[in-house]
PDB file of N, CA and C in Angstrom:
ATOM      1  N   MET A   1     -35.051   9.558 -10.624  1.00  0.00           N
ATOM      2  CA  MET A   1     -34.168  10.072  -9.571  1.00  0.00           C
ATOM      3  C   MET A   1     -33.592   8.878  -8.757  1.00  0.00           C
ATOM      4  N   PHE A   2     -34.527   7.947  -8.397  1.00  0.00           N
ATOM      5  CA  PHE A   2     -34.070   6.794  -7.623  1.00  0.00           C
ATOM      6  C   PHE A   2     -33.029   5.959  -8.406  1.00  0.00           C
ATOM      7  N   GLN A   3     -33.268   5.842  -9.726  1.00  0.00           N
ATOM      8  CA  GLN A   3     -32.355   5.062 -10.556  1.00  0.00           C
ATOM      9  C   GLN A   3     -30.963   5.693 -10.568  1.00  0.00           C
ATOM     10  N   LYS A   4     -30.887   7.010 -10.633  1.00  0.00           N
ATOM     11  CA  LYS A   4     -29.591   7.661 -10.634  1.00  0.00           C
ATOM     12  C   LYS A   4     -28.845   7.437  -9.324  1.00  0.00           C
ATOM     13  N   GLY A   5     -29.556   7.521  -8.240  1.00  0.00           N
ATOM     14  CA  GLY A   5     -28.993   7.287  -6.910  1.00  0.00           C
ATOM     15  C   GLY A   5     -28.500   5.852  -6.761  1.00  0.00           C
ATOM     16  N   LEU A   6     -29.300   4.906  -7.240  1.00  0.00           N
ATOM     17  CA  LEU A   6     -28.953   3.499  -7.229  1.00  0.00           C
ATOM     18  C   LEU A   6     -27.695   3.233  -8.069  1.00  0.00           C
ATOM     19  N   MET A   7     -27.674   3.819  -9.238  1.00  0.00           N
ATOM     20  CA  MET A   7     -26.481   3.599 -10.082  1.00  0.00           C
ATOM     21  C   MET A   7     -25.256   4.231  -9.438  1.00  0.00           C
ATOM     22  N   ALA A   8     -25.363   5.407  -8.829  1.00  0.00           N
ATOM     23  CA  ALA A   8     -24.235   6.052  -8.184  1.00  0.00           C
ATOM     24  C   ALA A   8     -23.749   5.173  -7.035  1.00  0.00           C
ATOM     25  N   GLY A   9     -24.633   4.574  -6.296  1.00  0.00           N
ATOM     26  CA  GLY A   9     -24.293   3.669  -5.200  1.00  0.00           C
ATOM     27  C   GLY A   9     -23.590   2.440  -5.673  1.00  0.00           C
ATOM     28  N   ILE A  10     -24.056   1.859  -6.718  1.00  0.00           N
ATOM     29  CA  ILE A  10     -23.462   0.672  -7.316  1.00  0.00           C
ATOM     30  C   ILE A  10     -22.079   0.975  -7.836  1.00  0.00           C
ATOM     31  N   MET A  11     -21.922   2.159  -8.493  1.00  0.00           N
ATOM     32  CA  MET A  11     -20.580   2.495  -9.010  1.00  0.00           C
ATOM     33  C   MET A  11     -19.604   2.753  -7.821  1.00  0.00           C
ATOM     34  N   ALA A  12     -20.065   3.391  -6.769  1.00  0.00           N
ATOM     35  CA  ALA A  12     -19.166   3.644  -5.628  1.00  0.00           C
ATOM     36  C   ALA A  12     -18.757   2.321  -4.974  1.00  0.00           C
ATOM     37  N   LEU A  13     -19.711   1.389  -4.818  1.00  0.00           N
ATOM     38  CA  LEU A  13     -19.392   0.105  -4.239  1.00  0.00           C
ATOM     39  C   LEU A  13     -18.417  -0.619  -5.145  1.00  0.00           C
ATOM     40  N   SER A  14     -18.648  -0.595  -6.400  1.00  0.00           N
ATOM     41  CA  SER A  14     -17.787  -1.281  -7.363  1.00  0.00           C
ATOM     42  C   SER A  14     -16.371  -0.713  -7.285  1.00  0.00           C
ATOM     43  N   LEU A  15     -16.191   0.579  -7.244  1.00  0.00           N
ATOM     44  CA  LEU A  15     -14.914   1.234  -7.115  1.00  0.00           C
ATOM     45  C   LEU A  15     -14.239   0.829  -5.803  1.00  0.00           C
ATOM     46  N   GLY A  16     -14.962   0.784  -4.685  1.00  0.00           N
ATOM     47  CA  GLY A  16     -14.389   0.388  -3.448  1.00  0.00           C
ATOM     48  C   GLY A  16     -13.895  -1.033  -3.471  1.00  0.00           C
ATOM     49  N   LEU A  17     -14.615  -1.931  -4.059  1.00  0.00           N
ATOM     50  CA  LEU A  17     -14.256  -3.348  -4.194  1.00  0.00           C
ATOM     51  C   LEU A  17     -13.038  -3.515  -5.071  1.00  0.00           C
ATOM     52  N   SER A  18     -12.985  -2.765  -6.159  1.00  0.00           N
ATOM     53  CA  SER A  18     -11.826  -2.877  -7.060  1.00  0.00           C
ATOM     54  C   SER A  18     -10.558  -2.405  -6.376  1.00  0.00           C
ATOM     55  N   THR A  19     -10.680  -1.393  -5.555  1.00  0.00           N
ATOM     56  CA  THR A  19      -9.520  -0.896  -4.830  1.00  0.00           C
ATOM     57  C   THR A  19      -9.026  -1.912  -3.862  1.00  0.00           C
ATOM     58  N   LEU A  20      -9.909  -2.613  -3.162  1.00  0.00           N
ATOM     59  CA  LEU A  20      -9.507  -3.662  -2.258  1.00  0.00           C
ATOM     60  C   LEU A  20      -8.793  -4.803  -3.005  1.00  0.00           C
ATOM     61  N   ALA A  21      -9.264  -5.079  -4.177  1.00  0.00           N
ATOM     62  CA  ALA A  21      -8.662  -6.155  -4.981  1.00  0.00           C
ATOM     63  C   ALA A  21      -7.231  -5.881  -5.357  1.00  0.00           C
ATOM     64  N   TRP A  22      -6.850  -4.570  -5.421  1.00  0.00           N
ATOM     65  CA  TRP A  22      -5.544  -4.187  -5.819  1.00  0.00           C
ATOM     66  C   TRP A  22      -4.637  -3.856  -4.676  1.00  0.00           C
ATOM     67  N   ALA A  23      -5.104  -4.057  -3.436  1.00  0.00           N
ATOM     68  CA  ALA A  23      -4.310  -3.754  -2.288  1.00  0.00           C
ATOM     69  C   ALA A  23      -3.036  -4.626  -2.334  1.00  0.00           C
ATOM     70  N   GLU A  24      -1.898  -3.991  -2.090  1.00  0.00           N
ATOM     71  CA  GLU A  24      -0.621  -4.637  -2.291  1.00  0.00           C
ATOM     72  C   GLU A  24      -0.091  -5.090  -0.940  1.00  0.00           C
ATOM     73  N   ASN A  25       0.417  -6.315  -0.848  1.00  0.00           N
ATOM     74  CA  ASN A  25       1.068  -6.791   0.394  1.00  0.00           C
ATOM     75  C   ASN A  25       2.480  -6.218   0.407  1.00  0.00           C
ATOM     76  N   VAL A  26       2.932  -5.847   1.577  1.00  0.00           N
ATOM     77  CA  VAL A  26       4.237  -5.309   1.780  1.00  0.00           C
ATOM     78  C   VAL A  26       4.872  -6.052   2.946  1.00  0.00           C
ATOM     79  N   TYR A  27       6.143  -5.789   3.112  1.00  0.00           N
ATOM     80  CA  TYR A  27       6.896  -6.571   4.123  1.00  0.00           C
ATOM     81  C   TYR A  27       7.704  -5.612   5.012  1.00  0.00           C
ATOM     82  N   VAL A  28       7.734  -5.936   6.300  1.00  0.00           N
ATOM     83  CA  VAL A  28       8.467  -5.182   7.263  1.00  0.00           C
ATOM     84  C   VAL A  28       9.392  -6.060   8.062  1.00  0.00           C
ATOM     85  N   THR A  29      10.467  -5.509   8.572  1.00  0.00           N
ATOM     86  CA  THR A  29      11.410  -6.269   9.416  1.00  0.00           C
ATOM     87  C   THR A  29      11.102  -5.907  10.832  1.00  0.00           C
ATOM     88  N   PRO A  30      11.547  -6.751  11.835  1.00  0.00           N
ATOM     89  CA  PRO A  30      11.208  -6.535  13.210  1.00  0.00           C
ATOM     90  C   PRO A  30      11.600  -5.138  13.732  1.00  0.00           C
ATOM     91  N   ASN A  31      12.727  -4.615  13.306  1.00  0.00           N
ATOM     92  CA  ASN A  31      13.212  -3.361  13.862  1.00  0.00           C
ATOM     93  C   ASN A  31      13.157  -2.209  12.888  1.00  0.00           C
ATOM     94  N   GLY A  32      12.681  -2.472  11.705  1.00  0.00           N
ATOM     95  CA  GLY A  32      12.598  -1.445  10.673  1.00  0.00           C
ATOM     96  C   GLY A  32      11.427  -0.475  10.830  1.00  0.00           C
ATOM     97  N   LYS A  33      11.543   0.625  10.148  1.00  0.00           N
ATOM     98  CA  LYS A  33      10.454   1.645  10.157  1.00  0.00           C
ATOM     99  C   LYS A  33       9.847   1.838   8.773  1.00  0.00           C
ATOM    100  N   LYS A  34      10.307   1.053   7.774  1.00  0.00           N
ATOM    101  CA  LYS A  34       9.829   1.199   6.429  1.00  0.00           C
ATOM    102  C   LYS A  34       9.126  -0.093   6.011  1.00  0.00           C
ATOM    103  N   TYR A  35       8.237   0.016   5.010  1.00  0.00           N
ATOM    104  CA  TYR A  35       7.724  -1.180   4.387  1.00  0.00           C
ATOM    105  C   TYR A  35       8.260  -1.298   2.997  1.00  0.00           C
ATOM    106  N   HIS A  36       8.387  -2.529   2.557  1.00  0.00           N
ATOM    107  CA  HIS A  36       9.089  -2.861   1.310  1.00  0.00           C
ATOM    108  C   HIS A  36       8.257  -3.804   0.418  1.00  0.00           C
ATOM    109  N   LYS A  37       8.613  -3.858  -0.846  1.00  0.00           N
ATOM    110  CA  LYS A  37       8.095  -4.874  -1.748  1.00  0.00           C
ATOM    111  C   LYS A  37       8.896  -6.111  -1.490  1.00  0.00           C
ATOM    112  N   GLN A  38       8.332  -7.260  -1.811  1.00  0.00           N
ATOM    113  CA  GLN A  38       8.961  -8.538  -1.519  1.00  0.00           C
ATOM    114  C   GLN A  38      10.281  -8.644  -2.285  1.00  0.00           C
ATOM    115  N   THR A  39      10.511  -7.977  -3.377  1.00  0.00           N
ATOM    116  CA  THR A  39      11.696  -8.095  -4.171  1.00  0.00           C
ATOM    117  C   THR A  39      12.805  -7.122  -3.719  1.00  0.00           C
ATOM    118  N   CYS A  40      12.583  -6.327  -2.716  1.00  0.00           N
ATOM    119  CA  CYS A  40      13.544  -5.298  -2.266  1.00  0.00           C
ATOM    120  C   CYS A  40      14.818  -6.002  -1.734  1.00  0.00           C
ATOM    121  N   LEU A  41      15.978  -5.583  -2.250  1.00  0.00           N
ATOM    122  CA  LEU A  41      17.247  -6.150  -1.792  1.00  0.00           C
ATOM    123  C   LEU A  41      17.595  -5.678  -0.369  1.00  0.00           C
ATOM    124  N   LEU A  42      17.000  -4.591   0.089  1.00  0.00           N
ATOM    125  CA  LEU A  42      17.331  -4.062   1.411  1.00  0.00           C
ATOM    126  C   LEU A  42      16.764  -4.987   2.557  1.00  0.00           C
ATOM    127  N   ILE A  43      15.855  -5.889   2.188  1.00  0.00           N
ATOM    128  CA  ILE A  43      15.302  -6.773   3.233  1.00  0.00           C
ATOM    129  C   ILE A  43      15.715  -8.220   3.012  1.00  0.00           C
ATOM    130  N   LYS A  44      16.570  -8.437   2.075  1.00  0.00           N
ATOM    131  CA  LYS A  44      17.109  -9.822   1.793  1.00  0.00           C
ATOM    132  C   LYS A  44      17.733 -10.329   3.077  1.00  0.00           C
ATOM    133  N   ASP A  45      17.466 -11.592   3.364  1.00  0.00           N
ATOM    134  CA  ASP A  45      18.013 -12.274   4.549  1.00  0.00           C
ATOM    135  C   ASP A  45      17.566 -11.746   5.857  1.00  0.00           C
ATOM    136  N   HIS A  46      16.383 -11.066   5.904  1.00  0.00           N
ATOM    137  CA  HIS A  46      15.793 -10.596   7.157  1.00  0.00           C
ATOM    138  C   HIS A  46      14.556 -11.385   7.482  1.00  0.00           C
ATOM    139  N   GLU A  47      14.220 -11.448   8.731  1.00  0.00           N
ATOM    140  CA  GLU A  47      12.960 -12.038   9.165  1.00  0.00           C
ATOM    141  C   GLU A  47      11.868 -11.013   8.768  1.00  0.00           C
ATOM    142  N   LEU A  48      10.851 -11.445   8.049  1.00  0.00           N
ATOM    143  CA  LEU A  48       9.825 -10.502   7.519  1.00  0.00           C
ATOM    144  C   LEU A  48       8.421 -10.805   8.048  1.00  0.00           C
ATOM    145  N   THR A  49       7.699  -9.760   8.161  1.00  0.00           N
ATOM    146  CA  THR A  49       6.243  -9.846   8.454  1.00  0.00           C
ATOM    147  C   THR A  49       5.492  -9.250   7.291  1.00  0.00           C
ATOM    148  N   GLU A  50       4.522 -10.005   6.775  1.00  0.00           N
ATOM    149  CA  GLU A  50       3.741  -9.540   5.622  1.00  0.00           C
ATOM    150  C   GLU A  50       2.524  -8.771   6.145  1.00  0.00           C
ATOM    151  N   LEU A  51       2.297  -7.649   5.559  1.00  0.00           N
ATOM    152  CA  LEU A  51       1.137  -6.811   5.927  1.00  0.00           C
ATOM    153  C   LEU A  51       0.511  -6.268   4.632  1.00  0.00           C
ATOM    154  N   ASP A  52      -0.759  -5.903   4.758  1.00  0.00           N
ATOM    155  CA  ASP A  52      -1.413  -5.164   3.696  1.00  0.00           C
ATOM    156  C   ASP A  52      -0.838  -3.731   3.763  1.00  0.00           C
ATOM    157  N   GLN A  53      -0.683  -3.086   2.624  1.00  0.00           N
ATOM    158  CA  GLN A  53      -0.046  -1.772   2.602  1.00  0.00           C
ATOM    159  C   GLN A  53      -0.821  -0.785   3.548  1.00  0.00           C
ATOM    160  N   ALA A  54      -2.136  -0.877   3.570  1.00  0.00           N
ATOM    161  CA  ALA A  54      -2.880   0.022   4.401  1.00  0.00           C
ATOM    162  C   ALA A  54      -2.586  -0.237   5.875  1.00  0.00           C
ATOM    163  N   GLN A  55      -2.415  -1.491   6.256  1.00  0.00           N
ATOM    164  CA  GLN A  55      -2.085  -1.823   7.652  1.00  0.00           C
ATOM    165  C   GLN A  55      -0.728  -1.311   7.991  1.00  0.00           C
ATOM    166  N   ALA A  56       0.250  -1.365   7.086  1.00  0.00           N
ATOM    167  CA  ALA A  56       1.574  -0.852   7.321  1.00  0.00           C
ATOM    168  C   ALA A  56       1.514   0.656   7.565  1.00  0.00           C
ATOM    169  N   LYS A  57       0.718   1.370   6.769  1.00  0.00           N
ATOM    170  CA  LYS A  57       0.582   2.817   6.960  1.00  0.00           C
ATOM    171  C   LYS A  57      -0.070   3.088   8.331  1.00  0.00           C
ATOM    172  N   GLU A  58      -1.110   2.338   8.700  1.00  0.00           N
ATOM    173  CA  GLU A  58      -1.812   2.495   9.964  1.00  0.00           C
ATOM    174  C   GLU A  58      -0.830   2.297  11.135  1.00  0.00           C
ATOM    175  N   GLN A  59       0.135   1.438  10.992  1.00  0.00           N
ATOM    176  CA  GLN A  59       1.125   1.130  12.015  1.00  0.00           C
ATOM    177  C   GLN A  59       2.318   2.048  11.902  1.00  0.00           C
ATOM    178  N   ASP A  60       2.186   3.148  11.196  1.00  0.00           N
ATOM    179  CA  ASP A  60       3.226   4.192  11.109  1.00  0.00           C
ATOM    180  C   ASP A  60       4.475   3.763  10.375  1.00  0.00           C
ATOM    181  N   TYR A  61       4.403   2.717   9.541  1.00  0.00           N
ATOM    182  CA  TYR A  61       5.560   2.402   8.691  1.00  0.00           C
ATOM    183  C   TYR A  61       5.527   3.400   7.514  1.00  0.00           C
ATOM    184  N   GLU A  62       6.683   3.738   6.987  1.00  0.00           N
ATOM    185  CA  GLU A  62       6.799   4.592   5.838  1.00  0.00           C
ATOM    186  C   GLU A  62       7.239   3.804   4.657  1.00  0.00           C
ATOM    187  N   PRO A  63       6.950   4.236   3.417  1.00  0.00           N
ATOM    188  CA  PRO A  63       7.400   3.456   2.251  1.00  0.00           C
ATOM    189  C   PRO A  63       8.922   3.555   2.037  1.00  0.00           C
ATOM    190  N   CYS A  64       9.490   2.441   1.648  1.00  0.00           N
ATOM    191  CA  CYS A  64      10.900   2.364   1.298  1.00  0.00           C
ATOM    192  C   CYS A  64      11.162   3.261   0.131  1.00  0.00           C
ATOM    193  N   LYS A  65      12.219   4.050   0.138  1.00  0.00           N
ATOM    194  CA  LYS A  65      12.498   5.015  -0.941  1.00  0.00           C
ATOM    195  C   LYS A  65      12.896   4.273  -2.215  1.00  0.00           C
ATOM    196  N   LYS A  66      13.432   3.062  -2.093  1.00  0.00           N
ATOM    197  CA  LYS A  66      13.815   2.259  -3.285  1.00  0.00           C
ATOM    198  C   LYS A  66      12.614   1.600  -3.925  1.00  0.00           C
ATOM    199  N   CYS A  67      11.774   1.028  -3.090  1.00  0.00           N
ATOM    200  CA  CYS A  67      10.552   0.228  -3.598  1.00  0.00           C
ATOM    201  C   CYS A  67       9.452   1.132  -4.067  1.00  0.00           C
ATOM    202  N   PHE A  68       9.232   2.250  -3.393  1.00  0.00           N
ATOM    203  CA  PHE A  68       8.034   3.056  -3.649  1.00  0.00           C
ATOM    204  C   PHE A  68       8.412   4.521  -3.985  1.00  0.00           C
ATOM    205  N   LYS A  69       9.227   4.645  -5.077  1.00  0.00           N
ATOM    206  CA  LYS A  69       9.659   5.965  -5.473  1.00  0.00           C
ATOM    207  C   LYS A  69       8.434   6.860  -5.764  1.00  0.00           C
ATOM    208  N   GLU A  70       7.397   6.281  -6.286  1.00  0.00           N
ATOM    209  CA  GLU A  70       6.180   7.072  -6.630  1.00  0.00           C
ATOM    210  C   GLU A  70       5.471   7.629  -5.353  1.00  0.00           C
ATOM    211  N   ASP A  71       5.748   7.069  -4.186  1.00  0.00           N
ATOM    212  CA  ASP A  71       5.132   7.563  -2.954  1.00  0.00           C
ATOM    213  C   ASP A  71       5.964   8.637  -2.230  1.00  0.00           C
ATOM    214  N   GLN A  72       7.133   9.006  -2.788  1.00  0.00           N
ATOM    215  CA  GLN A  72       8.023   9.957  -2.210  1.00  0.00           C
ATOM    216  C   GLN A  72       7.686  11.373  -2.695  1.00  0.00           C
ATOM    217  N   PRO A  73       7.845  12.331  -1.790  1.00  0.00           N
ATOM    218  CA  PRO A  73       7.640  13.754  -2.238  1.00  0.00           C
ATOM    219  C   PRO A  73       8.615  14.042  -3.386  1.00  0.00           C
ATOM    220  N   VAL A  74       8.234  14.938  -4.278  1.00  0.00           N
ATOM    221  CA  VAL A  74       8.985  15.200  -5.511  1.00  0.00           C
ATOM    222  C   VAL A  74      10.412  15.587  -5.207  1.00  0.00           C
ATOM    223  N   GLU A  75      10.687  16.382  -4.189  1.00  0.00           N
ATOM    224  CA  GLU A  75      12.090  16.801  -3.950  1.00  0.00           C
ATOM    225  C   GLU A  75      12.958  15.658  -3.467  1.00  0.00           C
ATOM    226  N   GLU A  76      12.387  14.544  -2.955  1.00  0.00           N
ATOM    227  CA  GLU A  76      13.165  13.440  -2.547  1.00  0.00           C
ATOM    228  C   GLU A  76      13.460  12.399  -3.593  1.00  0.00           C
ATOM    229  N   GLN A  77      12.746  12.458  -4.693  1.00  0.00           N
ATOM    230  CA  GLN A  77      12.950  11.493  -5.772  1.00  0.00           C
ATOM    231  C   GLN A  77      14.291  11.745  -6.453  1.00  0.00           C
ATOM    232  N   GLU A  78      14.937  10.641  -6.867  1.00  0.00           N
ATOM    233  CA  GLU A  78      16.232  10.783  -7.550  1.00  0.00           C
ATOM    234  C   GLU A  78      16.037  10.849  -9.022  1.00  0.00           C
TER     235      GLU A  78
END
């Protein structure tokens, strides 16, 4: 019983760490309300602040519709 609990704990910790390793950095502009990927043409030639995607969400930024099509509700996708 103890071994199963230990294995479950190790697996949960491993999953949590792997998720952190894949956290994506995103970019925001001083007056914008969206976060973008570094390659987004909508932020070209703007002053940028780099954030972790989770930080951007915590600060109420929304995903750019061009950069993060997969994060948009189905009816908004083109």
